[in-house]
Amino acid sequence: MLQFERQIDHIEVSQFSHSFYTLPVSGRSTPIRQVLALFYPAPAPPLRFSHTLLQHFFDRLRLKDNNATTRRVLIMKTNIRKTLFAAPAAAVILLSSFAGGQAYAAPAFGDLKGIAQAPQIAALQEAGIIRGAQDGKFDPQGTLTNAQAIQLAVDLYGLNIDNLNFVKKPEASDSFPKADDDAWYADALIIAAYSDLNLPRDLDPSAPATRASLASLLIAAGQNAGKLPVFRLIPVEIKDEASIPDGMSGQMQTALALGLLKLDAKGDIRPNEPLTRAAAAEIVYQAALKSHVVEEK
């Protein structure tokens, strides 16, 4: 324990744009799985840790202020795995905290005035599930893309391919020819491809996500991760059922049962309706609630 404490210097939470990136600073880096294994040897901790577990971990770590510079916790994430990085506190930007109860809260998005989904967006931001742009805005009226939807599902359920071995490095374009292997979303698409999420091979990452595609994606990811229940449904009438994409009727019934989607006044589910980022956040929030990732606001 004392040896580990000597290896950790000033660290705090840093967040950038679409993904978390390592900073060009000196210091020891250690995968968070390996770090937590020092304290929680069995079973192996999941990729996404609850606020309670993180708080317990931080308490046991017992970082102390011995030189008038506050020691904080830096959780950085590549798209494949999360990593703790020791780095000078002045070298990073404090934007959000994954540790519930910590004083290092992310600044609220500055463009949510009048947005009905603002409380849900704030809850997801606090849980580290959604991120905005570097200018501190969320762009609630912007269109959610398929790539962003997949990144949300990967982040929400901590999907990963840590236990898989490959003969060659996997590329996003191996499974999705329209994907750019150098794009910010590439790692998320690789994870999705090996997570049995029923995504079509001709998926266009830059195309708008729809109510049906996002709900189906979250249900598949949540059920495969054991976070959402699998149960027998009593189907409800959907007036526009004929417009539901092939193979998604069952998932639309599940989405209604879980509260991810609702029928409108006409009894329509509007499966092919593109989603704004605010509308998507409401669906993700309901999935996070059912998965016990966030508490109801």
C-alpha atoms as a PDB file:
ATOM      1  CA  MET A   1       0.000   0.000   0.000  1.00  0.00           C
ATOM      2  CA  LEU A   2       2.717   2.482   0.957  1.00  0.00           C
ATOM      3  CA  GLN A   3       4.714   1.555  -2.124  1.00  0.00           C
ATOM      4  CA  PHE A   4       1.682   2.190  -4.323  1.00  0.00           C
ATOM      5  CA  GLU A   5       1.040   5.547  -2.670  1.00  0.00           C
ATOM      6  CA  ARG A   6       4.577   6.649  -3.457  1.00  0.00           C
ATOM      7  CA  GLN A   7       3.977   5.920  -7.135  1.00  0.00           C
ATOM      8  CA  ILE A   8       0.935   8.192  -7.313  1.00  0.00           C
ATOM      9  CA  ASP A   9       1.495  11.933  -7.570  1.00  0.00           C
ATOM     10  CA  HIS A  10      -0.983  14.756  -8.089  1.00  0.00           C
ATOM     11  CA  ILE A  11      -3.863  13.460 -10.174  1.00  0.00           C
ATOM     12  CA  GLU A  12      -7.307  14.710 -11.030  1.00  0.00           C
ATOM     13  CA  VAL A  13     -10.174  14.076 -13.428  1.00  0.00           C
ATOM     14  CA  SER A  14      -9.743  15.263 -16.997  1.00  0.00           C
ATOM     15  CA  GLN A  15     -12.145  15.063 -19.910  1.00  0.00           C
ATOM     16  CA  PHE A  16     -11.777  16.021 -23.538  1.00  0.00           C
ATOM     17  CA  SER A  17     -14.293  16.157 -26.393  1.00  0.00           C
ATOM     18  CA  HIS A  18     -15.500  12.749 -27.588  1.00  0.00           C
ATOM     19  CA  SER A  19     -13.049  10.585 -25.647  1.00  0.00           C
ATOM     20  CA  PHE A  20     -10.588  10.737 -22.821  1.00  0.00           C
ATOM     21  CA  TYR A  21      -7.006  11.009 -23.992  1.00  0.00           C
ATOM     22  CA  THR A  22      -3.655  10.626 -22.267  1.00  0.00           C
ATOM     23  CA  LEU A  23      -1.701  13.811 -21.698  1.00  0.00           C
ATOM     24  CA  PRO A  24       1.921  14.291 -22.825  1.00  0.00           C
ATOM     25  CA  VAL A  25       3.279  14.391 -19.276  1.00  0.00           C
ATOM     26  CA  SER A  26       5.769  12.247 -17.457  1.00  0.00           C
ATOM     27  CA  GLY A  27       4.562   9.747 -14.900  1.00  0.00           C
ATOM     28  CA  ARG A  28       3.705   6.135 -14.390  1.00  0.00           C
ATOM     29  CA  SER A  29       0.564   4.786 -16.074  1.00  0.00           C
ATOM     30  CA  THR A  30      -1.258   1.716 -14.837  1.00  0.00           C
ATOM     31  CA  PRO A  31      -4.475   0.102 -16.172  1.00  0.00           C
ATOM     32  CA  ILE A  32      -7.289   0.742 -13.730  1.00  0.00           C
ATOM     33  CA  ARG A  33      -8.148  -2.968 -13.695  1.00  0.00           C
ATOM     34  CA  GLN A  34      -4.636  -3.683 -12.474  1.00  0.00           C
ATOM     35  CA  VAL A  35      -4.755  -0.865  -9.937  1.00  0.00           C
ATOM     36  CA  LEU A  36      -8.079  -1.908  -8.420  1.00  0.00           C
ATOM     37  CA  ALA A  37      -6.931  -5.527  -8.349  1.00  0.00           C
ATOM     38  CA  LEU A  38      -4.531  -4.456  -5.601  1.00  0.00           C
ATOM     39  CA  PHE A  39      -7.546  -3.718  -3.433  1.00  0.00           C
ATOM     40  CA  TYR A  40     -10.255  -5.927  -4.913  1.00  0.00           C
ATOM     41  CA  PRO A  41      -8.472  -9.127  -6.059  1.00  0.00           C
ATOM     42  CA  ALA A  42     -11.604 -11.190  -6.753  1.00  0.00           C
ATOM     43  CA  PRO A  43     -13.645 -11.003  -8.807  1.00  0.00           C
ATOM     44  CA  ALA A  44     -11.955  -8.856 -11.428  1.00  0.00           C
ATOM     45  CA  PRO A  45     -13.576  -5.418 -11.342  1.00  0.00           C
ATOM     46  CA  PRO A  46     -15.736  -4.327 -14.296  1.00  0.00           C
ATOM     47  CA  LEU A  47     -14.578  -1.667 -16.710  1.00  0.00           C
ATOM     48  CA  ARG A  48     -17.155   0.833 -15.446  1.00  0.00           C
ATOM     49  CA  PHE A  49     -17.106   1.290 -11.693  1.00  0.00           C
ATOM     50  CA  SER A  50     -19.971   2.512  -9.544  1.00  0.00           C
ATOM     51  CA  HIS A  51     -19.642   5.742  -7.587  1.00  0.00           C
ATOM     52  CA  THR A  52     -19.738   3.719  -4.357  1.00  0.00           C
ATOM     53  CA  LEU A  53     -16.863   1.465  -5.402  1.00  0.00           C
ATOM     54  CA  LEU A  54     -14.796   4.405  -6.607  1.00  0.00           C
ATOM     55  CA  GLN A  55     -15.403   6.291  -3.377  1.00  0.00           C
ATOM     56  CA  HIS A  56     -14.379   3.203  -1.394  1.00  0.00           C
ATOM     57  CA  PHE A  57     -11.274   2.864  -3.533  1.00  0.00           C
ATOM     58  CA  PHE A  58     -10.322   6.499  -3.037  1.00  0.00           C
ATOM     59  CA  ASP A  59     -10.845   6.215   0.719  1.00  0.00           C
ATOM     60  CA  ARG A  60      -8.595   3.170   0.894  1.00  0.00           C
ATOM     61  CA  LEU A  61      -5.998   4.820  -1.291  1.00  0.00           C
ATOM     62  CA  ARG A  62      -5.705   7.513   1.380  1.00  0.00           C
ATOM     63  CA  LEU A  63      -4.119  10.141  -0.800  1.00  0.00           C
ATOM     64  CA  LYS A  64      -2.830  12.830   1.539  1.00  0.00           C
ATOM     65  CA  ASP A  65      -1.905  16.440   1.004  1.00  0.00           C
ATOM     66  CA  ASN A  66       1.723  16.700   2.105  1.00  0.00           C
ATOM     67  CA  ASN A  67       2.978  19.649   0.087  1.00  0.00           C
ATOM     68  CA  ALA A  68       0.116  22.177   0.006  1.00  0.00           C
ATOM     69  CA  THR A  69      -1.034  20.923  -3.404  1.00  0.00           C
ATOM     70  CA  THR A  70      -4.302  19.004  -3.314  1.00  0.00           C
ATOM     71  CA  ARG A  71      -4.046  15.438  -4.554  1.00  0.00           C
ATOM     72  CA  ARG A  72      -6.949  14.505  -6.761  1.00  0.00           C
ATOM     73  CA  VAL A  73      -7.959  11.547  -8.820  1.00  0.00           C
ATOM     74  CA  LEU A  74      -7.343  11.384 -12.532  1.00  0.00           C
ATOM     75  CA  ILE A  75      -9.357   8.800 -14.420  1.00  0.00           C
ATOM     76  CA  MET A  76      -8.406   8.808 -18.051  1.00  0.00           C
ATOM     77  CA  LYS A  77      -9.849   6.524 -20.627  1.00  0.00           C
ATOM     78  CA  THR A  78      -8.754   5.370 -23.997  1.00  0.00           C
ATOM     79  CA  ASN A  79     -11.644   3.984 -25.992  1.00  0.00           C
ATOM     80  CA  ILE A  80     -10.586   0.431 -25.083  1.00  0.00           C
ATOM     81  CA  ARG A  81      -9.756   0.631 -21.383  1.00  0.00           C
ATOM     82  CA  LYS A  82      -9.609   3.042 -18.481  1.00  0.00           C
ATOM     83  CA  THR A  83      -6.284   3.998 -16.976  1.00  0.00           C
ATOM     84  CA  LEU A  84      -5.047   5.842 -13.912  1.00  0.00           C
ATOM     85  CA  PHE A  85      -2.309   8.290 -14.773  1.00  0.00           C
ATOM     86  CA  ALA A  86       0.001   9.993 -12.306  1.00  0.00           C
ATOM     87  CA  ALA A  87       0.518  13.557 -13.481  1.00  0.00           C
ATOM     88  CA  PRO A  88       1.120  17.031 -12.052  1.00  0.00           C
ATOM     89  CA  ALA A  89      -2.180  18.617 -11.092  1.00  0.00           C
ATOM     90  CA  ALA A  90      -1.398  21.767 -13.061  1.00  0.00           C
ATOM     91  CA  ALA A  91      -0.976  19.736 -16.239  1.00  0.00           C
ATOM     92  CA  VAL A  92      -4.595  18.653 -16.542  1.00  0.00           C
ATOM     93  CA  ILE A  93      -7.966  20.352 -16.865  1.00  0.00           C
ATOM     94  CA  LEU A  94     -10.520  19.557 -14.182  1.00  0.00           C
ATOM     95  CA  LEU A  95     -13.820  18.917 -15.948  1.00  0.00           C
ATOM     96  CA  SER A  96     -15.675  16.079 -14.273  1.00  0.00           C
ATOM     97  CA  SER A  97     -15.567  13.586 -11.437  1.00  0.00           C
ATOM     98  CA  PHE A  98     -16.549   9.937 -11.444  1.00  0.00           C
ATOM     99  CA  ALA A  99     -16.354   9.740  -7.667  1.00  0.00           C
ATOM    100  CA  GLY A 100     -19.696  10.542  -6.073  1.00  0.00           C
ATOM    101  CA  GLY A 101     -19.426  12.998  -3.236  1.00  0.00           C
ATOM    102  CA  GLN A 102     -16.162  14.491  -4.456  1.00  0.00           C
ATOM    103  CA  ALA A 103     -15.866  18.251  -4.720  1.00  0.00           C
ATOM    104  CA  TYR A 104     -14.635  18.134  -8.286  1.00  0.00           C
ATOM    105  CA  ALA A 105     -17.874  18.434 -10.271  1.00  0.00           C
ATOM    106  CA  ALA A 106     -18.028  19.043 -13.987  1.00  0.00           C
ATOM    107  CA  PRO A 107     -19.269  22.481 -15.008  1.00  0.00           C
ATOM    108  CA  ALA A 108     -22.893  22.371 -16.091  1.00  0.00           C
ATOM    109  CA  PHE A 109     -23.512  22.629 -19.804  1.00  0.00           C
ATOM    110  CA  GLY A 110     -24.170  26.236 -20.740  1.00  0.00           C
ATOM    111  CA  ASP A 111     -26.830  25.708 -23.396  1.00  0.00           C
ATOM    112  CA  LEU A 112     -29.595  23.801 -21.590  1.00  0.00           C
ATOM    113  CA  LYS A 113     -31.856  26.714 -20.644  1.00  0.00           C
ATOM    114  CA  GLY A 114     -35.408  25.839 -21.652  1.00  0.00           C
ATOM    115  CA  ILE A 115     -34.486  22.243 -22.532  1.00  0.00           C
ATOM    116  CA  ALA A 116     -37.007  19.830 -21.012  1.00  0.00           C
ATOM    117  CA  GLN A 117     -34.418  17.063 -20.713  1.00  0.00           C
ATOM    118  CA  ALA A 118     -31.912  19.243 -18.817  1.00  0.00           C
ATOM    119  CA  PRO A 119     -32.202  17.260 -15.520  1.00  0.00           C
ATOM    120  CA  GLN A 120     -31.613  13.960 -17.310  1.00  0.00           C
ATOM    121  CA  ILE A 121     -28.678  15.411 -19.236  1.00  0.00           C
ATOM    122  CA  ALA A 122     -27.152  16.698 -16.000  1.00  0.00           C
ATOM    123  CA  ALA A 123     -27.548  13.289 -14.344  1.00  0.00           C
ATOM    124  CA  LEU A 124     -25.842  11.539 -17.256  1.00  0.00           C
ATOM    125  CA  GLN A 125     -23.053  14.105 -17.247  1.00  0.00           C
ATOM    126  CA  GLU A 126     -22.528  13.603 -13.523  1.00  0.00           C
ATOM    127  CA  ALA A 127     -22.283   9.843 -14.088  1.00  0.00           C
ATOM    128  CA  GLY A 128     -19.654  10.372 -16.782  1.00  0.00           C
ATOM    129  CA  ILE A 129     -21.822   8.896 -19.529  1.00  0.00           C
ATOM    130  CA  ILE A 130     -22.247  11.924 -21.780  1.00  0.00           C
ATOM    131  CA  ARG A 131     -19.884  14.695 -22.704  1.00  0.00           C
ATOM    132  CA  GLY A 132     -20.174  17.958 -24.516  1.00  0.00           C
ATOM    133  CA  ALA A 133     -17.840  19.994 -26.647  1.00  0.00           C
ATOM    134  CA  GLN A 134     -14.724  21.752 -25.428  1.00  0.00           C
ATOM    135  CA  ASP A 135     -16.639  25.033 -25.322  1.00  0.00           C
ATOM    136  CA  GLY A 136     -18.768  23.688 -22.467  1.00  0.00           C
ATOM    137  CA  LYS A 137     -21.897  23.218 -24.563  1.00  0.00           C
ATOM    138  CA  PHE A 138     -23.979  20.097 -25.109  1.00  0.00           C
ATOM    139  CA  ASP A 139     -25.685  21.106 -28.372  1.00  0.00           C
ATOM    140  CA  PRO A 140     -29.078  19.681 -27.324  1.00  0.00           C
ATOM    141  CA  GLN A 141     -30.733  20.408 -30.677  1.00  0.00           C
ATOM    142  CA  GLY A 142     -27.930  18.815 -32.672  1.00  0.00           C
ATOM    143  CA  THR A 143     -28.585  15.503 -34.413  1.00  0.00           C
ATOM    144  CA  LEU A 144     -27.322  12.319 -32.781  1.00  0.00           C
ATOM    145  CA  THR A 145     -25.298  10.177 -35.181  1.00  0.00           C
ATOM    146  CA  ASN A 146     -24.953   6.405 -35.238  1.00  0.00           C
ATOM    147  CA  ALA A 147     -21.348   6.734 -34.104  1.00  0.00           C
ATOM    148  CA  GLN A 148     -22.365   8.839 -31.108  1.00  0.00           C
ATOM    149  CA  ALA A 149     -25.123   6.362 -30.243  1.00  0.00           C
ATOM    150  CA  ILE A 150     -22.672   3.461 -30.279  1.00  0.00           C
ATOM    151  CA  GLN A 151     -20.209   5.386 -28.116  1.00  0.00           C
ATOM    152  CA  LEU A 152     -23.027   6.052 -25.628  1.00  0.00           C
ATOM    153  CA  ALA A 153     -23.906   2.349 -25.427  1.00  0.00           C
ATOM    154  CA  VAL A 154     -20.257   1.355 -24.980  1.00  0.00           C
ATOM    155  CA  ASP A 155     -19.752   3.943 -22.235  1.00  0.00           C
ATOM    156  CA  LEU A 156     -23.049   3.257 -20.473  1.00  0.00           C
ATOM    157  CA  TYR A 157     -22.443  -0.466 -20.100  1.00  0.00           C
ATOM    158  CA  GLY A 158     -18.652  -0.483 -19.986  1.00  0.00           C
ATOM    159  CA  LEU A 159     -18.405  -2.751 -23.009  1.00  0.00           C
ATOM    160  CA  ASN A 160     -14.891  -3.890 -23.855  1.00  0.00           C
ATOM    161  CA  ILE A 161     -12.868  -6.521 -25.675  1.00  0.00           C
ATOM    162  CA  ASP A 162     -10.205  -6.938 -23.004  1.00  0.00           C
ATOM    163  CA  ASN A 163     -10.624 -10.712 -22.893  1.00  0.00           C
ATOM    164  CA  LEU A 164     -10.405 -11.275 -26.647  1.00  0.00           C
ATOM    165  CA  ASN A 165      -7.243 -12.217 -28.514  1.00  0.00           C
ATOM    166  CA  PHE A 166      -6.734 -11.254 -32.142  1.00  0.00           C
ATOM    167  CA  VAL A 167      -4.422 -12.598 -34.830  1.00  0.00           C
ATOM    168  CA  LYS A 168      -4.222  -9.063 -36.236  1.00  0.00           C
ATOM    169  CA  LYS A 169      -5.243  -5.682 -34.948  1.00  0.00           C
ATOM    170  CA  PRO A 170      -9.009  -5.266 -35.443  1.00  0.00           C
ATOM    171  CA  GLU A 171     -10.204  -2.297 -37.450  1.00  0.00           C
ATOM    172  CA  ALA A 172     -13.640  -0.690 -37.455  1.00  0.00           C
ATOM    173  CA  SER A 173     -13.839  -1.083 -41.222  1.00  0.00           C
ATOM    174  CA  ASP A 174     -13.477  -4.865 -40.896  1.00  0.00           C
ATOM    175  CA  SER A 175     -17.070  -4.989 -39.652  1.00  0.00           C
ATOM    176  CA  PHE A 176     -18.387  -1.666 -40.951  1.00  0.00           C
ATOM    177  CA  PRO A 177     -16.906  -0.782 -44.375  1.00  0.00           C
ATOM    178  CA  LYS A 178     -18.235   2.786 -44.212  1.00  0.00           C
ATOM    179  CA  ALA A 179     -16.273   3.476 -41.019  1.00  0.00           C
ATOM    180  CA  ASP A 180     -13.086   5.534 -40.900  1.00  0.00           C
ATOM    181  CA  ASP A 181     -10.420   3.624 -38.978  1.00  0.00           C
ATOM    182  CA  ASP A 182      -8.782   6.889 -37.912  1.00  0.00           C
ATOM    183  CA  ALA A 183     -11.982   8.531 -36.657  1.00  0.00           C
ATOM    184  CA  TRP A 184     -12.688   9.223 -32.986  1.00  0.00           C
ATOM    185  CA  TYR A 185     -15.399   6.544 -32.955  1.00  0.00           C
ATOM    186  CA  ALA A 186     -13.251   3.708 -34.360  1.00  0.00           C
ATOM    187  CA  ASP A 187     -12.566   1.945 -31.055  1.00  0.00           C
ATOM    188  CA  ALA A 188     -16.232   2.085 -30.035  1.00  0.00           C
ATOM    189  CA  LEU A 189     -17.242   0.478 -33.331  1.00  0.00           C
ATOM    190  CA  ILE A 190     -14.655  -2.266 -32.853  1.00  0.00           C
ATOM    191  CA  ILE A 191     -16.042  -3.000 -29.394  1.00  0.00           C
ATOM    192  CA  ALA A 192     -19.607  -2.944 -30.715  1.00  0.00           C
ATOM    193  CA  ALA A 193     -18.711  -5.351 -33.511  1.00  0.00           C
ATOM    194  CA  TYR A 194     -17.568  -7.958 -30.993  1.00  0.00           C
ATOM    195  CA  SER A 195     -20.375  -7.350 -28.495  1.00  0.00           C
ATOM    196  CA  ASP A 196     -23.244  -8.959 -30.428  1.00  0.00           C
ATOM    197  CA  LEU A 197     -25.275  -5.762 -30.787  1.00  0.00           C
ATOM    198  CA  ASN A 198     -26.979  -6.743 -34.049  1.00  0.00           C
ATOM    199  CA  LEU A 199     -25.617  -3.758 -35.942  1.00  0.00           C
ATOM    200  CA  PRO A 200     -25.898  -3.883 -39.749  1.00  0.00           C
ATOM    201  CA  ARG A 201     -22.703  -4.241 -41.740  1.00  0.00           C
ATOM    202  CA  ASP A 202     -23.687  -1.292 -43.943  1.00  0.00           C
ATOM    203  CA  LEU A 203     -24.003   1.006 -40.907  1.00  0.00           C
ATOM    204  CA  ASP A 204     -23.044   4.592 -41.692  1.00  0.00           C
ATOM    205  CA  PRO A 205     -21.407   6.100 -38.581  1.00  0.00           C
ATOM    206  CA  SER A 206     -22.224   9.660 -39.652  1.00  0.00           C
ATOM    207  CA  ALA A 207     -25.898   9.003 -40.453  1.00  0.00           C
ATOM    208  CA  PRO A 208     -28.554  10.142 -37.957  1.00  0.00           C
ATOM    209  CA  ALA A 209     -29.564   7.669 -35.272  1.00  0.00           C
ATOM    210  CA  THR A 210     -33.297   7.014 -34.933  1.00  0.00           C
ATOM    211  CA  ARG A 211     -35.582   6.242 -32.035  1.00  0.00           C
ATOM    212  CA  ALA A 212     -35.642   2.593 -33.065  1.00  0.00           C
ATOM    213  CA  SER A 213     -31.911   2.242 -33.694  1.00  0.00           C
ATOM    214  CA  LEU A 214     -30.863   3.846 -30.391  1.00  0.00           C
ATOM    215  CA  ALA A 215     -33.410   1.952 -28.293  1.00  0.00           C
ATOM    216  CA  SER A 216     -32.505  -1.358 -29.957  1.00  0.00           C
ATOM    217  CA  LEU A 217     -28.806  -0.682 -29.467  1.00  0.00           C
ATOM    218  CA  LEU A 218     -29.200   0.106 -25.764  1.00  0.00           C
ATOM    219  CA  ILE A 219     -31.413  -2.929 -25.170  1.00  0.00           C
ATOM    220  CA  ALA A 220     -28.973  -5.290 -26.887  1.00  0.00           C
ATOM    221  CA  ALA A 221     -26.003  -3.820 -25.031  1.00  0.00           C
ATOM    222  CA  GLY A 222     -27.795  -3.792 -21.675  1.00  0.00           C
ATOM    223  CA  GLN A 223     -29.131  -7.324 -21.943  1.00  0.00           C
ATOM    224  CA  ASN A 224     -25.801  -8.723 -23.143  1.00  0.00           C
ATOM    225  CA  ALA A 225     -24.082  -6.991 -20.232  1.00  0.00           C
ATOM    226  CA  GLY A 226     -26.637  -8.415 -17.800  1.00  0.00           C
ATOM    227  CA  LYS A 227     -27.828  -4.933 -16.839  1.00  0.00           C
ATOM    228  CA  LEU A 228     -31.281  -5.025 -18.437  1.00  0.00           C
ATOM    229  CA  PRO A 229     -33.775  -7.839 -17.866  1.00  0.00           C
ATOM    230  CA  VAL A 230     -34.852 -10.370 -20.458  1.00  0.00           C
ATOM    231  CA  PHE A 231     -38.522 -11.177 -19.950  1.00  0.00           C
ATOM    232  CA  ARG A 232     -41.665 -12.407 -21.667  1.00  0.00           C
ATOM    233  CA  LEU A 233     -43.741  -9.540 -23.024  1.00  0.00           C
ATOM    234  CA  ILE A 234     -47.430  -8.980 -23.490  1.00  0.00           C
ATOM    235  CA  PRO A 235     -47.379  -6.952 -26.729  1.00  0.00           C
ATOM    236  CA  VAL A 236     -49.168  -3.631 -26.830  1.00  0.00           C
ATOM    237  CA  GLU A 237     -50.745  -2.204 -29.954  1.00  0.00           C
ATOM    238  CA  ILE A 238     -48.483   0.059 -31.974  1.00  0.00           C
ATOM    239  CA  LYS A 239     -50.428   1.957 -34.616  1.00  0.00           C
ATOM    240  CA  ASP A 240     -47.435   2.477 -36.905  1.00  0.00           C
ATOM    241  CA  GLU A 241     -45.984  -0.994 -36.424  1.00  0.00           C
ATOM    242  CA  ALA A 242     -45.650  -1.386 -40.187  1.00  0.00           C
ATOM    243  CA  SER A 243     -42.971   1.312 -40.164  1.00  0.00           C
ATOM    244  CA  ILE A 244     -40.775  -0.521 -37.641  1.00  0.00           C
ATOM    245  CA  PRO A 245     -37.581  -1.770 -39.344  1.00  0.00           C
ATOM    246  CA  ASP A 246     -37.369  -5.494 -39.969  1.00  0.00           C
ATOM    247  CA  GLY A 247     -36.275  -7.467 -36.929  1.00  0.00           C
ATOM    248  CA  MET A 248     -36.930  -4.667 -34.428  1.00  0.00           C
ATOM    249  CA  SER A 249     -40.576  -5.280 -33.481  1.00  0.00           C
ATOM    250  CA  GLY A 250     -39.671  -7.256 -30.375  1.00  0.00           C
ATOM    251  CA  GLN A 251     -37.158  -4.657 -29.270  1.00  0.00           C
ATOM    252  CA  MET A 252     -39.723  -1.895 -29.718  1.00  0.00           C
ATOM    253  CA  GLN A 253     -42.062  -3.791 -27.396  1.00  0.00           C
ATOM    254  CA  THR A 254     -39.184  -4.157 -24.923  1.00  0.00           C
ATOM    255  CA  ALA A 255     -38.390  -0.451 -25.246  1.00  0.00           C
ATOM    256  CA  LEU A 256     -41.998   0.385 -24.351  1.00  0.00           C
ATOM    257  CA  ALA A 257     -42.008  -2.039 -21.416  1.00  0.00           C
ATOM    258  CA  LEU A 258     -38.772  -0.579 -20.026  1.00  0.00           C
ATOM    259  CA  GLY A 259     -39.870   3.010 -20.588  1.00  0.00           C
ATOM    260  CA  LEU A 260     -37.112   3.820 -23.061  1.00  0.00           C
ATOM    261  CA  LEU A 261     -39.743   4.836 -25.603  1.00  0.00           C
ATOM    262  CA  LYS A 262     -43.367   5.927 -25.308  1.00  0.00           C
ATOM    263  CA  LEU A 263     -46.265   5.943 -27.720  1.00  0.00           C
ATOM    264  CA  ASP A 264     -47.517   9.346 -28.755  1.00  0.00           C
ATOM    265  CA  ALA A 265     -51.141  10.507 -28.556  1.00  0.00           C
ATOM    266  CA  LYS A 266     -51.911   8.675 -31.803  1.00  0.00           C
ATOM    267  CA  GLY A 267     -50.466   5.413 -30.527  1.00  0.00           C
ATOM    268  CA  ASP A 268     -47.432   5.715 -32.807  1.00  0.00           C
ATOM    269  CA  ILE A 269     -43.886   4.878 -31.741  1.00  0.00           C
ATOM    270  CA  ARG A 270     -42.268   6.830 -34.608  1.00  0.00           C
ATOM    271  CA  PRO A 271     -39.361   4.382 -34.998  1.00  0.00           C
ATOM    272  CA  ASN A 272     -37.632   6.127 -37.892  1.00  0.00           C
ATOM    273  CA  GLU A 273     -37.644   9.605 -36.397  1.00  0.00           C
ATOM    274  CA  PRO A 274     -34.118  11.068 -36.122  1.00  0.00           C
ATOM    275  CA  LEU A 275     -33.055  12.059 -32.634  1.00  0.00           C
ATOM    276  CA  THR A 276     -31.771  15.325 -31.286  1.00  0.00           C
ATOM    277  CA  ARG A 277     -29.046  14.959 -28.689  1.00  0.00           C
ATOM    278  CA  ALA A 278     -31.522  16.072 -26.010  1.00  0.00           C
ATOM    279  CA  ALA A 279     -34.133  13.497 -27.038  1.00  0.00           C
ATOM    280  CA  ALA A 280     -31.451  10.813 -27.170  1.00  0.00           C
ATOM    281  CA  ALA A 281     -30.289  11.740 -23.668  1.00  0.00           C
ATOM    282  CA  GLU A 282     -33.785  11.069 -22.340  1.00  0.00           C
ATOM    283  CA  ILE A 283     -33.726   7.543 -23.829  1.00  0.00           C
ATOM    284  CA  VAL A 284     -30.223   6.876 -22.502  1.00  0.00           C
ATOM    285  CA  TYR A 285     -31.273   8.183 -19.086  1.00  0.00           C
ATOM    286  CA  GLN A 286     -34.151   5.706 -18.921  1.00  0.00           C
ATOM    287  CA  ALA A 287     -31.762   2.883 -19.837  1.00  0.00           C
ATOM    288  CA  ALA A 288     -29.323   4.087 -17.174  1.00  0.00           C
ATOM    289  CA  LEU A 289     -32.136   4.142 -14.605  1.00  0.00           C
ATOM    290  CA  LYS A 290     -33.211   0.598 -15.419  1.00  0.00           C
ATOM    291  CA  SER A 291     -29.565  -0.481 -15.260  1.00  0.00           C
ATOM    292  CA  HIS A 292     -29.035   1.256 -11.887  1.00  0.00           C
ATOM    293  CA  VAL A 293     -26.254   3.401 -13.313  1.00  0.00           C
ATOM    294  CA  VAL A 294     -27.938   6.637 -12.217  1.00  0.00           C
ATOM    295  CA  GLU A 295     -30.516   7.519  -9.596  1.00  0.00           C
ATOM    296  CA  GLU A 296     -33.814   9.104 -10.586  1.00  0.00           C
ATOM    297  CA  LYS A 297     -33.828  12.887 -10.549  1.00  0.00           C
END
